[in-house]
Amino acid sequence: MKVLYEGCMTSINIIKISITKLNTDAIVNAANEALMQGSGVCGAIFREAGSFEMTKACNAIGGCKIGNAVITPGFNLPAKHVIHAVGPRWSGGNNNEPALLYSAYKQSLILAKENNLHSIGFPLISAGMFGYPVDKAWKQALDACTDFMEANADYEINIIFAVLEDRVLDEGLRVLGGF
């Protein structure tokens, strides 16, 4: 989806690729509160960036609350920066999970703008090991991104969602088609 705001081209794309291969200004790590190397997307990002360097940078930050985000260099990744966003664990949807997930995306985009980054790659935060239902995760992700684009119409940003599974890709494209 490409949108023109006041002469500023902005886009959201969903593609099948490892997030560690994106050559963007930033990629987003689906992080844990301790900012420790995990498995899944988080483990892949740490390994490709350089586990030692990324761990040292994250330890210096000291943690991140659910719904927030912090930034580090990308080290050995093609992306210049990594934004570590902490999404919620799914526990039925009655513990503020939608608002916290929306906030994790929003805070990531705010950090990107504050650091003058114009391309960002996201995974589908919280939809893996944290158990967030894929359709509901896409809704929060795309709502946060489109709301950010509308509120920052003068800021050009290209958003790429990098996914590995066909079912996640197909659901994302379905939800994006409703925007």
Protein backbone atom coordinates (compact mmCIF):
# COMPACT_ATOMS: atom_id res chain seq x y z
CA MET A 1 0.00 0.00 0.00
CA LYS A 2 1.50 3.32 -1.06
CA VAL A 3 -0.01 6.55 0.19
CA LEU A 4 0.78 10.10 -0.85
CA TYR A 5 0.60 12.66 1.97
CA GLU A 6 1.24 16.29 1.01
CA GLY A 7 3.80 15.28 -1.65
CA CYS A 8 5.40 12.71 0.64
CA MET A 9 5.34 9.07 -0.50
CA THR A 10 4.84 6.58 2.31
CA SER A 11 4.25 2.86 2.02
CA ILE A 12 3.43 -0.35 3.85
CA ASN A 13 4.51 -3.63 2.28
CA ILE A 14 4.33 -7.21 3.53
CA ILE A 15 6.89 -9.59 2.08
CA LYS A 16 8.24 -13.06 2.70
CA ILE A 17 11.85 -12.57 3.81
CA SER A 18 13.98 -12.90 6.93
CA ILE A 19 13.98 -9.58 8.76
CA THR A 20 17.75 -9.92 9.17
CA LYS A 21 18.14 -9.54 5.37
CA LEU A 22 16.37 -6.18 5.11
CA ASN A 23 18.59 -3.29 4.06
CA THR A 24 16.53 -0.63 5.83
CA ASP A 25 17.42 2.22 8.15
CA ALA A 26 16.09 0.09 11.02
CA ILE A 27 14.60 -3.28 11.75
CA VAL A 28 12.48 -4.04 14.78
CA ASN A 29 13.29 -6.82 17.18
CA ALA A 30 10.37 -8.54 18.91
CA ALA A 31 12.17 -8.16 22.22
CA ASN A 32 11.65 -9.31 25.78
CA GLU A 33 11.63 -6.91 28.73
CA ALA A 34 15.19 -7.82 29.75
CA LEU A 35 16.44 -7.15 26.19
CA MET A 36 18.19 -10.53 26.33
CA GLN A 37 18.87 -12.73 23.33
CA GLY A 38 15.92 -15.03 22.92
CA SER A 39 14.81 -17.40 20.22
CA GLY A 40 12.74 -16.81 17.10
CA VAL A 41 13.06 -13.33 15.57
CA CYS A 42 14.99 -12.03 18.58
CA GLY A 43 17.57 -14.84 18.44
CA ALA A 44 18.06 -14.41 14.69
CA ILE A 45 18.60 -10.66 15.02
CA PHE A 46 21.14 -11.07 17.83
CA ARG A 47 23.04 -13.78 15.93
CA GLU A 48 23.19 -11.82 12.67
CA ALA A 49 24.03 -8.52 14.37
CA GLY A 50 26.71 -10.16 16.50
CA SER A 51 25.54 -11.59 19.81
CA PHE A 52 28.35 -10.08 21.86
CA GLU A 53 27.93 -6.54 20.53
CA MET A 54 24.12 -6.59 20.68
CA THR A 55 24.09 -8.05 24.19
CA LYS A 56 26.54 -5.38 25.37
CA ALA A 57 24.41 -2.59 23.84
CA CYS A 58 21.19 -3.99 25.32
CA ASN A 59 22.77 -4.47 28.75
CA ALA A 60 23.81 -0.81 28.71
CA ILE A 61 20.14 0.16 28.20
CA GLY A 62 19.04 -2.12 31.03
CA GLY A 63 15.61 -3.24 29.86
CA CYS A 64 12.39 -2.05 28.27
CA LYS A 65 8.80 -2.11 29.47
CA ILE A 66 6.00 -3.84 27.58
CA GLY A 67 4.56 -1.47 24.97
CA ASN A 68 7.79 0.52 24.69
CA ALA A 69 10.84 0.48 22.43
CA VAL A 70 14.55 1.34 22.54
CA ILE A 71 17.19 1.65 19.84
CA THR A 72 20.68 0.21 19.30
CA PRO A 73 23.08 0.10 16.37
CA GLY A 74 22.56 -2.69 13.83
CA PHE A 75 26.18 -3.84 14.09
CA ASN A 76 26.69 -6.59 11.44
CA LEU A 77 23.15 -6.39 10.03
CA PRO A 78 22.36 -4.69 6.70
CA ALA A 79 20.02 -2.42 8.72
CA LYS A 80 21.77 0.51 10.39
CA HIS A 81 19.75 0.28 13.62
CA VAL A 82 17.69 -2.18 15.61
CA ILE A 83 14.63 -0.95 17.46
CA HIS A 84 13.79 -3.36 20.25
CA ALA A 85 10.02 -3.32 20.85
CA VAL A 86 8.42 -5.31 23.65
CA GLY A 87 4.98 -6.63 22.86
CA PRO A 88 2.65 -8.32 25.31
CA ARG A 89 2.14 -12.02 25.86
CA TRP A 90 -1.37 -13.05 24.85
CA SER A 91 -3.51 -14.05 27.82
CA GLY A 92 -6.96 -13.91 26.33
CA GLY A 93 -7.11 -10.25 25.35
CA ASN A 94 -8.48 -8.89 28.62
CA ASN A 95 -5.19 -7.64 30.08
CA ASN A 96 -4.63 -4.58 27.88
CA GLU A 97 -2.86 -6.65 25.22
CA PRO A 98 -4.28 -4.73 22.22
CA ALA A 99 -3.24 -1.33 23.61
CA LEU A 100 0.22 -2.61 24.59
CA LEU A 101 0.84 -4.15 21.18
CA TYR A 102 -0.35 -1.00 19.40
CA SER A 103 1.98 1.02 21.64
CA ALA A 104 4.99 -1.18 20.81
CA TYR A 105 4.52 -0.37 17.11
CA LYS A 106 3.78 3.31 17.76
CA GLN A 107 6.84 3.75 19.99
CA SER A 108 9.01 2.05 17.34
CA LEU A 109 7.80 4.48 14.70
CA ILE A 110 8.30 7.46 17.02
CA LEU A 111 11.90 6.32 17.63
CA ALA A 112 12.42 5.98 13.89
CA LYS A 113 11.22 9.53 13.31
CA GLU A 114 13.27 10.91 16.22
CA ASN A 115 16.36 9.31 14.66
CA ASN A 116 15.51 10.49 11.12
CA LEU A 117 15.05 6.93 9.85
CA HIS A 118 12.88 6.62 6.73
CA SER A 119 12.66 2.85 6.23
CA ILE A 120 11.80 0.29 8.87
CA GLY A 121 11.26 -3.46 8.89
CA PHE A 122 8.88 -5.06 11.36
CA PRO A 123 8.20 -8.65 12.31
CA LEU A 124 4.67 -9.44 13.47
CA ILE A 125 5.37 -8.59 17.13
CA SER A 126 3.96 -10.94 19.79
CA ALA A 127 2.47 -13.37 17.24
CA GLY A 128 5.17 -16.02 17.66
CA MET A 129 6.24 -17.30 21.04
CA PHE A 130 4.12 -14.72 22.87
CA GLY A 131 0.98 -16.39 21.42
CA TYR A 132 -0.89 -13.34 20.09
CA PRO A 133 -3.48 -14.49 17.51
CA VAL A 134 -2.17 -13.65 14.03
CA ASP A 135 -5.30 -11.85 12.80
CA LYS A 136 -5.52 -9.72 15.92
CA ALA A 137 -1.77 -8.98 15.81
CA TRP A 138 -2.06 -7.77 12.21
CA LYS A 139 -4.96 -5.50 13.14
CA GLN A 140 -2.95 -3.75 15.87
CA ALA A 141 0.19 -3.57 13.72
CA LEU A 142 -1.54 -2.03 10.72
CA ASP A 143 -3.72 0.28 12.83
CA ALA A 144 -0.62 1.66 14.57
CA CYS A 145 1.26 2.12 11.28
CA THR A 146 -1.58 3.81 9.41
CA ASP A 147 -2.38 6.03 12.40
CA PHE A 148 1.30 7.07 12.57
CA MET A 149 1.37 7.80 8.83
CA GLU A 150 -1.77 9.95 9.07
CA ALA A 151 -0.52 11.84 12.14
CA ASN A 152 2.89 12.41 10.52
CA ALA A 153 1.80 13.12 6.96
CA ASP A 154 4.87 15.29 6.34
CA TYR A 155 7.29 12.48 7.27
CA GLU A 156 8.20 9.95 4.59
CA ILE A 157 8.58 6.42 5.89
CA ASN A 158 8.58 3.08 4.13
CA ILE A 159 7.35 0.26 6.35
CA ILE A 160 8.09 -3.35 5.49
CA PHE A 161 6.67 -6.29 7.37
CA ALA A 162 9.01 -9.26 7.00
CA VAL A 163 7.40 -12.64 7.57
CA LEU A 164 8.51 -16.21 6.92
CA GLU A 165 5.27 -18.20 6.95
CA ASP A 166 2.78 -18.21 4.08
CA ARG A 167 -0.22 -18.23 6.44
CA VAL A 168 1.08 -15.12 8.24
CA LEU A 169 1.80 -13.42 4.90
CA ASP A 170 -1.65 -14.26 3.52
CA GLU A 171 -3.43 -13.03 6.66
CA GLY A 172 -1.42 -9.80 6.63
CA LEU A 173 -2.28 -9.14 3.00
CA ARG A 174 -5.94 -9.86 3.76
CA VAL A 175 -6.01 -7.41 6.70
CA LEU A 176 -4.01 -4.78 4.76
CA GLY A 177 -6.55 -5.01 1.94
CA GLY A 178 -9.18 -3.69 4.37
CA PHE A 179 -7.29 -0.41 4.90
